[in-house]
N, C-alpha and C. Protein backbone atom coordinates (compact mmCIF):
# COMPACT_ATOMS: atom_id res chain seq x y z
N MET A 1 8.14 -1.45 21.23
CA MET A 1 7.72 -2.58 20.97
C MET A 1 6.97 -2.42 19.43
N LEU A 2 6.39 -1.29 19.42
CA LEU A 2 5.48 -1.11 18.11
C LEU A 2 6.50 -0.71 17.14
N LYS A 3 7.75 -0.06 17.28
CA LYS A 3 8.36 0.12 16.23
C LYS A 3 9.14 -1.09 15.77
N VAL A 4 9.37 -2.07 16.77
CA VAL A 4 9.69 -3.30 16.31
C VAL A 4 8.97 -4.11 15.44
N LEU A 5 7.66 -4.08 16.09
CA LEU A 5 6.65 -4.83 15.04
C LEU A 5 6.49 -4.23 13.73
N VAL A 6 6.53 -3.13 13.66
CA VAL A 6 6.45 -2.23 12.40
C VAL A 6 7.60 -2.55 11.36
N ALA A 7 8.85 -2.98 12.02
CA ALA A 7 10.32 -3.27 11.08
C ALA A 7 10.08 -4.86 10.69
N ILE A 8 9.16 -5.36 11.70
CA ILE A 8 9.11 -7.11 11.20
C ILE A 8 8.27 -7.20 10.14
N LEU A 9 6.96 -6.27 10.20
CA LEU A 9 6.14 -6.33 9.13
C LEU A 9 6.72 -6.02 7.81
N THR A 10 7.64 -4.86 7.83
CA THR A 10 8.27 -4.48 6.73
C THR A 10 9.04 -5.42 6.05
N LEU A 11 9.74 -5.95 6.96
CA LEU A 11 10.61 -7.20 6.41
C LEU A 11 9.80 -8.29 5.77
N ALA A 12 8.80 -8.48 6.49
CA ALA A 12 7.87 -9.60 6.32
C ALA A 12 7.15 -9.34 4.68
N ALA A 13 6.69 -8.04 4.35
CA ALA A 13 6.27 -7.83 3.19
C ALA A 13 7.33 -7.93 2.25
N ALA A 14 8.68 -7.51 2.59
CA ALA A 14 9.48 -7.64 1.43
C ALA A 14 10.26 -8.72 1.22
N GLY A 15 10.76 -9.15 2.37
CA GLY A 15 11.61 -10.47 2.41
C GLY A 15 11.01 -11.69 2.29
N PHE A 16 9.89 -11.77 2.62
CA PHE A 16 8.89 -13.11 2.64
C PHE A 16 8.00 -13.06 1.58
N ALA A 17 8.07 -11.96 0.59
CA ALA A 17 6.97 -12.00 -0.59
C ALA A 17 6.97 -13.26 -1.37
N GLN A 18 8.37 -13.88 -1.34
CA GLN A 18 8.56 -15.18 -2.43
C GLN A 18 8.19 -16.40 -1.61
N ALA A 19 7.95 -16.31 -0.44
CA ALA A 19 7.89 -17.42 0.57
C ALA A 19 6.58 -18.05 0.28
N GLN A 20 6.47 -19.36 0.40
CA GLN A 20 5.26 -20.20 0.24
C GLN A 20 4.45 -20.05 1.60
N ALA A 21 3.19 -19.54 1.42
CA ALA A 21 2.41 -19.59 2.84
C ALA A 21 2.15 -20.89 3.21
N SER A 22 2.12 -21.23 4.33
CA SER A 22 2.03 -22.57 4.98
C SER A 22 0.51 -22.85 4.77
N ALA A 23 0.23 -23.94 4.46
CA ALA A 23 -1.21 -24.40 4.02
C ALA A 23 -1.92 -24.16 5.57
N PRO A 24 -3.29 -23.73 5.49
CA PRO A 24 -4.09 -23.59 6.81
C PRO A 24 -4.58 -24.71 7.53
N ALA A 25 -4.27 -24.81 8.57
CA ALA A 25 -5.00 -26.21 9.40
C ALA A 25 -6.47 -25.91 9.46
N SER A 26 -7.10 -26.79 9.84
CA SER A 26 -8.56 -26.73 10.22
C SER A 26 -8.72 -25.25 11.27
N ALA A 27 -9.90 -24.61 10.87
CA ALA A 27 -9.95 -23.45 11.99
C ALA A 27 -10.24 -23.89 13.00
N PRO A 28 -9.51 -23.23 13.94
CA PRO A 28 -9.47 -23.34 15.30
C PRO A 28 -10.73 -22.86 15.99
N VAL A 29 -11.16 -23.61 17.20
CA VAL A 29 -12.38 -22.73 17.85
C VAL A 29 -12.10 -21.50 18.32
N SER A 30 -13.01 -20.51 18.21
CA SER A 30 -12.58 -19.16 18.56
C SER A 30 -13.06 -19.10 19.97
N SER A 31 -12.61 -17.80 20.62
CA SER A 31 -13.11 -17.49 21.82
C SER A 31 -12.90 -16.22 22.08
N ALA A 32 -13.49 -16.09 23.26
CA ALA A 32 -13.31 -14.25 23.58
C ALA A 32 -12.04 -13.97 23.82
N ALA A 33 -11.20 -14.76 24.41
CA ALA A 33 -9.74 -14.46 24.87
C ALA A 33 -8.92 -14.26 23.46
N LYS A 34 -9.33 -15.18 22.40
CA LYS A 34 -8.73 -15.20 21.30
C LYS A 34 -9.20 -13.82 20.30
N LYS A 35 -10.41 -13.42 20.37
CA LYS A 35 -10.94 -12.34 19.53
C LYS A 35 -10.15 -11.23 20.30
N GLU A 36 -9.74 -11.12 21.46
CA GLU A 36 -9.59 -9.89 22.34
C GLU A 36 -7.92 -9.77 21.90
N LEU A 37 -7.26 -11.12 21.64
CA LEU A 37 -5.98 -10.94 21.16
C LEU A 37 -5.58 -10.56 19.75
N VAL A 38 -6.70 -10.95 18.76
CA VAL A 38 -6.43 -10.55 17.52
C VAL A 38 -6.78 -8.93 17.32
N ALA A 39 -7.87 -8.61 18.05
CA ALA A 39 -8.12 -6.98 18.39
C ALA A 39 -7.08 -6.30 18.69
N LYS A 40 -6.14 -6.77 19.58
CA LYS A 40 -4.92 -6.15 20.30
C LYS A 40 -3.85 -6.34 18.87
N LEU A 41 -3.72 -7.28 18.36
CA LEU A 41 -2.68 -7.21 17.08
C LEU A 41 -3.02 -6.41 16.14
N LEU A 42 -4.53 -6.19 15.80
CA LEU A 42 -4.85 -5.33 14.78
C LEU A 42 -4.44 -3.93 15.27
N GLN A 43 -4.68 -3.55 16.38
CA GLN A 43 -4.17 -2.33 17.03
C GLN A 43 -2.98 -1.87 16.76
N LEU A 44 -1.73 -2.92 16.93
CA LEU A 44 -0.45 -2.82 16.80
C LEU A 44 -0.26 -2.85 15.48
N LEU A 45 -0.91 -3.48 14.49
CA LEU A 45 -0.67 -3.25 12.91
C LEU A 45 -1.01 -2.12 12.37
N GLN A 46 -1.56 -1.41 12.84
CA GLN A 46 -2.42 -0.01 12.45
C GLN A 46 -1.43 0.74 11.61
N PRO A 47 -0.13 0.95 12.19
CA PRO A 47 0.78 1.74 11.53
C PRO A 47 1.58 1.10 10.16
N ALA A 48 1.37 -0.27 10.04
CA ALA A 48 2.15 -0.92 8.88
C ALA A 48 1.01 -0.72 8.19
N VAL A 49 -0.35 -0.92 8.41
CA VAL A 49 -1.51 -1.05 7.55
C VAL A 49 -1.59 0.22 6.93
N ALA A 50 -1.68 1.60 7.67
CA ALA A 50 -1.65 2.68 7.28
C ALA A 50 -0.31 2.94 6.06
N SER A 51 0.80 2.45 6.54
CA SER A 51 1.86 2.65 5.72
C SER A 51 1.75 2.15 4.09
N MET A 52 1.25 0.74 4.32
CA MET A 52 0.89 0.27 2.95
C MET A 52 -0.24 0.98 2.23
N ALA A 53 -1.36 1.40 2.69
CA ALA A 53 -2.14 2.00 2.32
C ALA A 53 -1.71 3.68 1.52
N GLN A 54 -0.71 4.41 2.22
CA GLN A 54 -0.24 5.40 1.98
C GLN A 54 0.65 5.13 0.53
N GLN A 55 1.43 3.82 0.62
CA GLN A 55 2.29 3.73 -0.53
C GLN A 55 1.24 3.35 -1.77
N LEU A 56 0.27 2.63 -1.62
CA LEU A 56 -0.62 2.53 -2.87
C LEU A 56 -1.09 3.84 -3.44
N ALA A 57 -1.66 4.82 -2.44
CA ALA A 57 -2.14 5.85 -2.95
C ALA A 57 -1.11 6.94 -3.55
N GLN A 58 0.13 6.70 -2.92
CA GLN A 58 1.20 7.61 -3.66
C GLN A 58 1.95 7.04 -5.01
N GLN A 59 1.62 5.85 -5.06
CA GLN A 59 2.34 5.30 -6.16
C GLN A 59 2.08 5.99 -7.40
N PRO A 60 0.77 6.13 -8.05
CA PRO A 60 0.62 6.86 -9.16
C PRO A 60 1.06 8.33 -9.33
N ALA A 61 1.17 9.12 -8.04
CA ALA A 61 1.59 10.33 -8.01
C ALA A 61 3.04 10.43 -8.71
N VAL A 62 3.80 9.40 -7.86
CA VAL A 62 5.36 9.35 -8.33
C VAL A 62 5.51 9.11 -9.55
N GLN A 63 4.69 8.05 -10.16
CA GLN A 63 4.75 7.88 -11.59
C GLN A 63 4.93 9.18 -12.52
N LEU A 64 3.72 9.68 -12.03
CA LEU A 64 3.27 11.18 -12.80
C LEU A 64 4.39 12.06 -12.87
N GLN A 65 4.83 12.26 -11.53
CA GLN A 65 5.89 13.25 -11.21
C GLN A 65 7.14 12.74 -11.92
N GLN A 66 7.32 11.62 -12.10
CA GLN A 66 8.66 11.29 -12.79
C GLN A 66 8.58 11.65 -14.33
N ALA A 67 7.18 11.17 -14.98
CA ALA A 67 6.65 11.55 -16.32
C ALA A 67 6.90 12.95 -16.58
N ALA A 68 6.12 13.81 -15.84
CA ALA A 68 6.30 15.13 -15.93
C ALA A 68 7.76 16.07 -15.83
N ALA A 69 8.62 15.31 -14.88
CA ALA A 69 9.94 15.77 -14.86
C ALA A 69 10.64 15.51 -16.22
N GLY A 70 10.18 14.68 -16.95
CA GLY A 70 10.74 14.44 -18.29
C GLY A 70 10.32 15.61 -19.32
N ALA A 71 8.70 15.72 -19.17
CA ALA A 71 8.15 16.67 -20.26
C ALA A 71 8.71 18.10 -19.69
N LEU A 72 8.97 18.33 -18.41
CA LEU A 72 9.45 19.74 -18.26
C LEU A 72 10.70 20.33 -19.00
N GLN A 73 11.62 19.23 -19.24
CA GLN A 73 12.79 19.54 -19.97
C GLN A 73 12.27 20.16 -21.44
N ARG A 74 11.29 19.77 -21.68
CA ARG A 74 11.27 20.54 -23.15
C ARG A 74 10.35 21.90 -22.96
N VAL A 75 10.05 22.36 -22.02
CA VAL A 75 9.31 23.76 -21.83
C VAL A 75 10.39 24.73 -21.92
N PRO A 76 10.16 25.87 -22.29
CA PRO A 76 11.26 27.01 -22.17
C PRO A 76 11.74 27.33 -20.84
N ALA A 77 13.06 27.41 -20.89
CA ALA A 77 13.56 27.67 -19.44
C ALA A 77 13.35 28.65 -18.65
N ASP A 78 12.66 29.84 -19.07
CA ASP A 78 12.13 30.97 -18.48
C ASP A 78 10.65 30.60 -17.83
N ARG A 79 9.94 29.58 -18.17
CA ARG A 79 8.79 29.24 -17.70
C ARG A 79 9.00 28.05 -17.01
N ARG A 80 10.05 27.12 -16.95
CA ARG A 80 10.18 25.78 -16.36
C ARG A 80 9.87 25.72 -14.79
N GLU A 81 10.60 26.91 -14.00
CA GLU A 81 10.61 26.70 -12.56
C GLU A 81 9.12 27.09 -12.10
N ALA A 82 8.61 27.91 -12.65
CA ALA A 82 6.84 28.15 -12.18
C ALA A 82 6.17 27.06 -12.49
N LEU A 83 6.45 26.33 -13.73
CA LEU A 83 5.52 25.43 -14.06
C LEU A 83 5.97 24.19 -12.83
N ALA A 84 7.09 23.84 -12.98
CA ALA A 84 7.53 22.94 -11.85
C ALA A 84 6.65 23.14 -10.45
N ARG A 85 6.78 24.31 -9.97
CA ARG A 85 6.02 24.56 -8.86
C ARG A 85 4.62 24.35 -8.85
N ASP A 86 4.03 24.50 -9.85
CA ASP A 86 2.64 24.49 -9.93
C ASP A 86 2.41 22.96 -10.10
N ILE A 87 3.06 22.13 -10.79
CA ILE A 87 2.92 20.43 -10.84
C ILE A 87 3.09 19.99 -9.56
N GLU A 88 4.17 20.51 -8.67
CA GLU A 88 4.54 19.97 -7.46
C GLU A 88 3.01 20.49 -6.49
N ALA A 89 2.80 21.50 -6.68
CA ALA A 89 1.39 21.84 -5.87
C ALA A 89 0.17 20.86 -6.34
N ASP A 90 0.17 20.44 -7.56
CA ASP A 90 -0.98 19.64 -8.05
C ASP A 90 -0.90 18.22 -7.06
N LEU A 91 0.40 17.73 -7.29
CA LEU A 91 0.96 16.54 -6.74
C LEU A 91 0.52 16.47 -5.22
N ARG A 92 1.11 17.62 -4.76
CA ARG A 92 0.94 17.55 -3.00
C ARG A 92 -0.67 17.59 -2.66
N LYS A 93 -1.41 18.19 -3.62
CA LYS A 93 -2.94 18.33 -3.48
C LYS A 93 -3.38 16.93 -3.44
N TYR A 94 -3.19 16.21 -4.55
CA TYR A 94 -3.78 14.88 -4.59
C TYR A 94 -3.31 14.03 -3.52
N VAL A 95 -1.92 14.14 -3.03
CA VAL A 95 -1.59 13.15 -1.93
C VAL A 95 -2.21 13.69 -0.68
N GLU A 96 -2.40 14.91 -0.21
CA GLU A 96 -3.25 15.25 0.65
C GLU A 96 -4.37 14.83 0.89
N GLU A 97 -4.88 14.72 -0.19
CA GLU A 97 -6.51 14.37 -0.42
C GLU A 97 -6.75 12.83 -0.48
N ALA A 98 -5.93 12.27 -1.23
CA ALA A 98 -5.94 10.71 -1.58
C ALA A 98 -5.49 9.79 -0.22
N VAL A 99 -4.29 10.13 0.15
CA VAL A 99 -3.85 9.34 1.11
C VAL A 99 -4.52 9.35 2.42
N PRO A 100 -5.28 10.25 2.88
CA PRO A 100 -6.27 10.03 4.05
C PRO A 100 -7.39 8.93 3.51
N ILE A 101 -7.81 9.16 2.52
CA ILE A 101 -8.82 8.19 1.98
C ILE A 101 -8.44 6.73 2.14
N ALA A 102 -7.24 6.63 1.55
CA ALA A 102 -6.67 5.22 1.42
C ALA A 102 -6.62 4.54 2.95
N ARG A 103 -5.90 5.48 3.54
CA ARG A 103 -5.36 5.07 5.07
C ARG A 103 -6.36 4.95 5.83
N ASP A 104 -7.76 5.74 5.77
CA ASP A 104 -8.95 5.31 6.49
C ASP A 104 -9.54 3.97 6.36
N LYS A 105 -9.87 4.12 4.99
CA LYS A 105 -10.22 2.77 4.58
C LYS A 105 -9.60 1.43 4.81
N ALA A 106 -8.15 1.65 4.90
CA ALA A 106 -7.41 0.44 5.14
C ALA A 106 -7.63 0.20 6.53
N VAL A 107 -7.70 1.17 7.47
CA VAL A 107 -7.64 0.82 9.00
C VAL A 107 -9.02 0.22 9.23
N LYS A 108 -10.13 0.72 8.34
CA LYS A 108 -11.38 0.07 8.75
C LYS A 108 -11.73 -1.49 8.07
N LEU A 109 -10.90 -1.65 6.98
CA LEU A 109 -10.99 -2.88 6.14
C LEU A 109 -9.97 -3.90 7.10
N ALA A 110 -8.86 -3.48 7.78
CA ALA A 110 -8.22 -4.80 8.38
C ALA A 110 -8.70 -5.54 9.06
N PRO A 111 -9.69 -5.13 10.02
CA PRO A 111 -10.49 -6.48 11.02
C PRO A 111 -11.24 -7.14 10.15
N LEU A 112 -11.56 -6.68 8.64
CA LEU A 112 -12.33 -7.52 7.88
C LEU A 112 -11.64 -8.60 6.90
N THR A 113 -10.44 -8.51 6.86
CA THR A 113 -9.24 -9.05 6.00
C THR A 113 -8.37 -9.58 6.68
N ILE A 114 -7.55 -8.86 7.56
CA ILE A 114 -6.48 -9.60 8.48
C ILE A 114 -7.03 -10.41 9.48
N GLY A 115 -8.08 -9.73 10.28
CA GLY A 115 -8.55 -10.18 11.40
C GLY A 115 -8.88 -11.55 11.16
N PRO A 116 -10.03 -12.01 10.08
CA PRO A 116 -10.24 -13.58 9.59
C PRO A 116 -8.95 -14.26 9.64
N LEU A 117 -7.84 -13.86 8.86
CA LEU A 117 -6.81 -14.64 8.53
C LEU A 117 -6.00 -14.82 10.02
N LEU A 118 -5.78 -14.13 10.92
CA LEU A 118 -5.32 -14.18 12.20
C LEU A 118 -6.21 -15.03 12.97
N GLU A 119 -7.35 -15.03 13.04
CA GLU A 119 -8.12 -15.69 13.94
C GLU A 119 -8.37 -17.28 13.20
N GLU A 120 -8.14 -17.29 11.99
CA GLU A 120 -8.17 -18.62 11.45
C GLU A 120 -7.01 -19.74 11.63
N ARG A 121 -5.77 -18.65 11.33
CA ARG A 121 -4.79 -19.44 11.11
C ARG A 121 -3.68 -19.37 12.31
N PHE A 122 -3.73 -18.83 13.50
CA PHE A 122 -3.18 -19.03 14.53
C PHE A 122 -4.04 -18.92 15.67
N SER A 123 -3.10 -19.70 16.63
CA SER A 123 -3.72 -20.07 18.06
C SER A 123 -3.57 -18.91 18.92
N GLU A 124 -4.35 -19.08 20.09
CA GLU A 124 -4.13 -17.84 21.03
C GLU A 124 -2.64 -17.79 21.62
N ASP A 125 -2.02 -18.71 21.68
CA ASP A 125 -0.52 -18.74 21.96
C ASP A 125 0.16 -18.33 21.00
N ASP A 126 -0.06 -18.52 19.70
CA ASP A 126 0.44 -18.05 18.86
C ASP A 126 0.53 -16.14 18.61
N LEU A 127 -0.87 -15.75 18.88
CA LEU A 127 -0.82 -14.39 18.80
C LEU A 127 -0.58 -13.88 19.96
N ARG A 128 -0.25 -14.41 21.18
CA ARG A 128 0.35 -13.75 22.45
C ARG A 128 1.91 -13.67 22.00
N GLN A 129 2.53 -14.47 21.34
CA GLN A 129 3.77 -14.70 21.08
C GLN A 129 4.19 -13.50 19.77
N VAL A 130 3.27 -13.46 19.15
CA VAL A 130 3.36 -12.31 18.00
C VAL A 130 3.31 -10.86 18.58
N ALA A 131 2.30 -10.67 19.51
CA ALA A 131 2.01 -9.47 20.00
C ALA A 131 3.27 -8.97 20.90
N ALA A 132 3.89 -9.98 21.37
CA ALA A 132 5.07 -9.67 22.35
C ALA A 132 6.48 -9.78 21.89
N ILE A 133 6.37 -9.79 20.47
CA ILE A 133 7.60 -9.71 19.45
C ILE A 133 8.49 -10.72 19.89
N LEU A 134 8.23 -11.81 20.15
CA LEU A 134 9.21 -12.71 20.65
C LEU A 134 9.75 -13.63 19.38
N GLU A 135 11.22 -14.01 19.62
CA GLU A 135 11.86 -14.78 18.78
C GLU A 135 11.40 -16.10 18.72
N SER A 136 10.40 -16.57 17.64
CA SER A 136 9.88 -17.89 18.30
C SER A 136 9.20 -18.31 16.61
N PRO A 137 8.98 -19.75 16.66
CA PRO A 137 8.33 -20.17 15.38
C PRO A 137 7.07 -19.51 15.04
N ALA A 138 6.13 -19.02 16.02
CA ALA A 138 4.86 -18.61 15.71
C ALA A 138 5.28 -17.21 15.06
N ASN A 139 6.36 -16.43 15.47
CA ASN A 139 6.61 -15.07 14.97
C ASN A 139 7.11 -15.47 13.24
N ARG A 140 7.92 -16.38 13.00
CA ARG A 140 8.06 -16.55 11.77
C ARG A 140 6.79 -17.12 10.70
N LYS A 141 6.04 -17.99 11.34
CA LYS A 141 4.70 -18.03 10.67
C LYS A 141 3.97 -16.84 10.43
N PHE A 142 4.04 -16.04 11.45
CA PHE A 142 3.44 -14.86 11.29
C PHE A 142 3.83 -13.92 9.77
N GLN A 143 5.08 -14.06 9.98
CA GLN A 143 5.95 -13.33 8.73
C GLN A 143 5.49 -14.04 7.57
N GLN A 144 5.32 -15.25 7.31
CA GLN A 144 5.00 -15.99 6.15
C GLN A 144 3.68 -15.66 5.93
N GLN A 145 2.88 -15.58 6.86
CA GLN A 145 1.38 -15.39 6.22
C GLN A 145 0.97 -13.89 5.99
N PHE A 146 1.98 -12.90 6.61
CA PHE A 146 1.55 -11.54 6.15
C PHE A 146 1.40 -11.22 4.61
N PRO A 147 2.15 -11.81 3.78
CA PRO A 147 1.90 -11.33 2.35
C PRO A 147 0.34 -11.84 1.83
N ASP A 148 -0.16 -13.00 2.45
CA ASP A 148 -1.72 -13.13 2.07
C ASP A 148 -2.44 -12.13 2.88
N MET A 149 -2.29 -11.85 4.07
CA MET A 149 -2.94 -10.65 4.62
C MET A 149 -2.93 -9.35 3.85
N GLN A 150 -1.73 -9.08 3.48
CA GLN A 150 -1.56 -7.74 2.89
C GLN A 150 -2.25 -7.65 1.50
N ARG A 151 -2.35 -8.92 1.02
CA ARG A 151 -3.06 -9.03 -0.38
C ARG A 151 -4.28 -8.96 -0.01
N ALA A 152 -5.03 -9.71 0.94
CA ALA A 152 -6.37 -9.58 1.13
C ALA A 152 -6.90 -7.96 1.35
N LEU A 153 -6.08 -7.40 2.24
CA LEU A 153 -6.25 -6.00 2.42
C LEU A 153 -6.30 -5.25 1.13
N GLY A 154 -5.22 -5.35 0.32
CA GLY A 154 -5.02 -4.51 -0.74
C GLY A 154 -5.97 -4.55 -1.74
N GLU A 155 -6.55 -5.91 -1.92
CA GLU A 155 -7.53 -6.26 -3.10
C GLU A 155 -8.79 -5.51 -2.71
N LYS A 156 -9.12 -5.54 -1.20
CA LYS A 156 -10.30 -4.84 -0.83
C LYS A 156 -10.37 -3.22 -0.96
N LEU A 157 -9.08 -2.92 -0.48
CA LEU A 157 -8.96 -1.52 -0.35
C LEU A 157 -9.12 -0.98 -1.68
N VAL A 158 -8.46 -1.68 -2.78
CA VAL A 158 -8.55 -0.87 -4.14
C VAL A 158 -9.79 -1.02 -4.64
N ALA A 159 -10.67 -1.97 -4.29
CA ALA A 159 -11.95 -2.21 -4.91
C ALA A 159 -12.86 -1.04 -4.31
N GLU A 160 -12.68 -0.84 -2.63
CA GLU A 160 -13.57 0.26 -2.14
C GLU A 160 -13.07 1.66 -2.34
N SER A 161 -11.80 2.00 -2.51
CA SER A 161 -11.18 3.17 -2.59
C SER A 161 -11.08 3.71 -3.88
N GLY A 162 -11.01 2.50 -4.98
CA GLY A 162 -10.53 2.86 -6.27
C GLY A 162 -11.53 3.95 -6.94
N PRO A 163 -12.67 3.86 -6.76
CA PRO A 163 -13.69 4.96 -7.51
C PRO A 163 -13.41 6.43 -7.27
N GLU A 164 -12.98 6.62 -5.61
CA GLU A 164 -12.84 8.02 -5.27
C GLU A 164 -11.33 8.27 -5.93
N ILE A 165 -10.47 7.38 -5.41
CA ILE A 165 -9.16 7.62 -6.04
C ILE A 165 -8.96 7.94 -7.60
N GLU A 166 -9.88 7.46 -8.37
CA GLU A 166 -10.01 7.67 -9.71
C GLU A 166 -10.35 8.96 -10.15
N VAL A 167 -11.25 9.63 -9.26
CA VAL A 167 -11.64 10.89 -9.67
C VAL A 167 -10.49 11.82 -9.28
N LYS A 168 -9.82 11.57 -8.36
CA LYS A 168 -8.61 12.43 -7.93
C LYS A 168 -7.53 12.38 -9.11
N LEU A 169 -7.32 11.26 -9.57
CA LEU A 169 -6.25 10.85 -10.45
C LEU A 169 -6.59 11.62 -11.95
N ARG A 170 -7.87 11.49 -12.22
CA ARG A 170 -8.29 12.19 -13.33
C ARG A 170 -8.23 13.88 -13.39
N ALA A 171 -8.50 14.27 -12.20
CA ALA A 171 -8.21 15.85 -12.21
C ALA A 171 -6.73 16.03 -11.99
N LEU A 172 -6.02 15.02 -11.38
CA LEU A 172 -4.61 15.44 -11.12
C LEU A 172 -4.12 15.33 -12.90
N ASN A 173 -4.19 14.35 -13.59
CA ASN A 173 -3.82 14.32 -14.99
C ASN A 173 -4.15 15.43 -16.06
N GLN A 174 -5.51 15.75 -15.67
CA GLN A 174 -5.70 16.91 -16.63
C GLN A 174 -5.09 18.23 -16.06
N SER A 175 -5.07 18.36 -14.76
CA SER A 175 -4.38 19.45 -14.63
C SER A 175 -2.96 19.68 -14.94
N VAL A 176 -2.23 18.49 -14.81
CA VAL A 176 -1.04 18.73 -15.27
C VAL A 176 -0.66 18.51 -17.03
N THR A 177 -1.47 17.81 -17.44
CA THR A 177 -1.72 17.96 -18.87
C THR A 177 -1.93 19.29 -19.46
N ARG A 178 -2.88 20.16 -18.71
CA ARG A 178 -3.24 21.42 -19.23
C ARG A 178 -1.94 22.45 -18.77
N ARG A 179 -1.60 22.41 -18.04
CA ARG A 179 -0.31 23.08 -17.49
C ARG A 179 0.77 22.92 -18.34
N LEU A 180 1.19 21.67 -18.75
CA LEU A 180 2.22 21.42 -19.91
C LEU A 180 1.91 22.09 -21.29
N SER A 181 0.64 21.85 -21.60
CA SER A 181 -0.01 22.34 -22.87
C SER A 181 0.05 23.76 -23.02
N ALA A 182 -0.56 24.46 -21.88
CA ALA A 182 -0.33 26.07 -21.72
C ALA A 182 1.17 26.59 -21.98
N ALA A 183 1.97 25.72 -21.56
CA ALA A 183 3.46 26.19 -21.41
C ALA A 183 4.46 25.82 -22.67
N ALA A 184 3.62 25.25 -23.62
CA ALA A 184 4.26 24.56 -24.92
C ALA A 184 4.85 25.82 -25.74
N PRO A 185 5.97 25.91 -26.29
CA PRO A 185 6.44 27.09 -27.15
C PRO A 185 5.48 26.69 -28.39
N ALA A 186 5.62 27.79 -29.23
CA ALA A 186 5.00 27.88 -30.55
C ALA A 186 5.22 26.67 -31.23
N THR A 187 6.13 26.37 -31.49
CA THR A 187 6.45 25.10 -32.19
C THR A 187 7.14 24.04 -31.23
N GLY A 188 6.94 22.86 -31.39
CA GLY A 188 7.50 21.85 -30.96
C GLY A 188 6.79 21.86 -29.48
N GLY A 189 5.54 21.60 -29.25
CA GLY A 189 4.98 22.02 -27.91
C GLY A 189 5.65 20.70 -27.02
N ALA A 190 5.48 20.87 -25.71
CA ALA A 190 5.71 19.81 -24.66
C ALA A 190 4.79 18.84 -24.73
N SER A 191 5.58 17.59 -24.58
CA SER A 191 4.69 16.28 -24.58
C SER A 191 3.95 16.05 -23.28
N ALA A 192 2.91 15.83 -23.14
CA ALA A 192 2.00 15.48 -21.96
C ALA A 192 2.64 14.20 -21.29
N PRO A 193 2.34 14.12 -20.10
CA PRO A 193 2.92 12.76 -19.56
C PRO A 193 1.89 11.71 -19.59
N ALA A 194 2.22 10.34 -19.75
CA ALA A 194 1.24 9.23 -19.53
C ALA A 194 0.24 9.58 -18.46
N PRO A 195 -0.83 9.22 -18.44
CA PRO A 195 -1.71 9.31 -17.40
C PRO A 195 -1.19 8.20 -16.45
N ALA A 196 -1.42 8.63 -15.06
CA ALA A 196 -1.18 7.83 -13.90
C ALA A 196 -2.15 6.72 -13.97
N ALA A 197 -1.61 5.67 -13.37
CA ALA A 197 -2.63 4.76 -13.16
C ALA A 197 -3.05 4.28 -11.91
N ALA A 198 -4.10 3.96 -11.63
CA ALA A 198 -4.81 3.72 -10.39
C ALA A 198 -4.14 2.68 -9.58
N PRO A 199 -4.15 2.74 -8.18
CA PRO A 199 -3.62 2.04 -7.23
C PRO A 199 -3.71 0.44 -7.78
N LYS A 200 -2.94 -0.42 -7.52
CA LYS A 200 -3.14 -1.82 -7.70
C LYS A 200 -2.76 -2.70 -6.39
N PRO A 201 -3.43 -3.80 -6.12
CA PRO A 201 -3.48 -4.36 -5.03
C PRO A 201 -2.07 -5.05 -5.19
N PRO A 202 -1.53 -5.53 -3.68
CA PRO A 202 -0.22 -6.35 -4.01
C PRO A 202 -0.38 -7.66 -4.68
N ALA A 203 0.59 -7.95 -5.44
CA ALA A 203 0.53 -9.26 -6.08
C ALA A 203 0.80 -10.37 -5.23
N LYS A 204 0.24 -11.78 -5.69
CA LYS A 204 0.16 -12.94 -4.98
C LYS A 204 1.57 -13.17 -4.74
N PRO A 205 1.91 -13.69 -3.64
CA PRO A 205 3.20 -14.17 -3.51
C PRO A 205 3.45 -15.40 -4.43
N ALA A 206 4.68 -15.30 -5.04
CA ALA A 206 5.23 -16.49 -5.89
C ALA A 206 5.36 -17.78 -4.79
N SER A 207 5.07 -19.05 -5.15
CA SER A 207 5.61 -20.02 -4.43
C SER A 207 6.93 -20.58 -4.56
N LYS A 208 7.55 -20.83 -3.64
CA LYS A 208 8.83 -21.61 -3.77
C LYS A 208 8.90 -22.94 -4.27
N PRO A 209 9.77 -23.42 -5.18
CA PRO A 209 10.03 -24.94 -5.22
C PRO A 209 9.99 -25.55 -3.96
N ALA A 210 9.44 -27.14 -4.14
CA ALA A 210 9.49 -27.73 -2.98
C ALA A 210 11.02 -28.14 -2.80
N ALA A 211 11.21 -28.11 -1.43
CA ALA A 211 12.72 -28.38 -1.18
C ALA A 211 12.95 -29.94 -1.29
N LYS A 212 14.21 -30.18 -1.94
CA LYS A 212 14.62 -31.51 -2.02
C LYS A 212 14.86 -32.31 -0.84
N PRO A 213 14.61 -33.41 -1.07
CA PRO A 213 14.79 -34.46 0.45
C PRO A 213 16.28 -34.58 0.70
């Protein structure tokens, strides 16, 4: 069931990114039963939430890796392989340190961001059907609303983990630049890659044009 839910969430984030989120109705009266359903659904969503956070944290490292690959081609062949290993180790160290930070904060922030949206926009019956992975209108509604939830979590995650991630990125950029500069030949040194950018929150879904009658 969990794998199916993660697959649905992945499709929702990619396939429904351009879908217009339906306007929320008046906030329904919350209840203990509804809060339990929201908590259960948040538990099921943890793998998808952690995956989103991991992608955000890894994104700048991937960009830097691509830039470094081009710069490595201008390094003398006899030093290229060792330098590539050192840069790979730097990238791996960054990922090993940054991903847990982003993942842990995402799991903690999910109840504060996704939780209220679930409680506001879904009834108890909706939540039961989504948790059971039923082929239902409620499940389609959940897929439509997921970009809003992802964006809300992403914005909060970037705001709260940004300073810590920035420190890791600066250290990574400096290390890669220093290695490339040290390996530069006497004439025509290797160009340093552009600094990696900090993670950005997911973009707001674009609205679809209104359907013609």
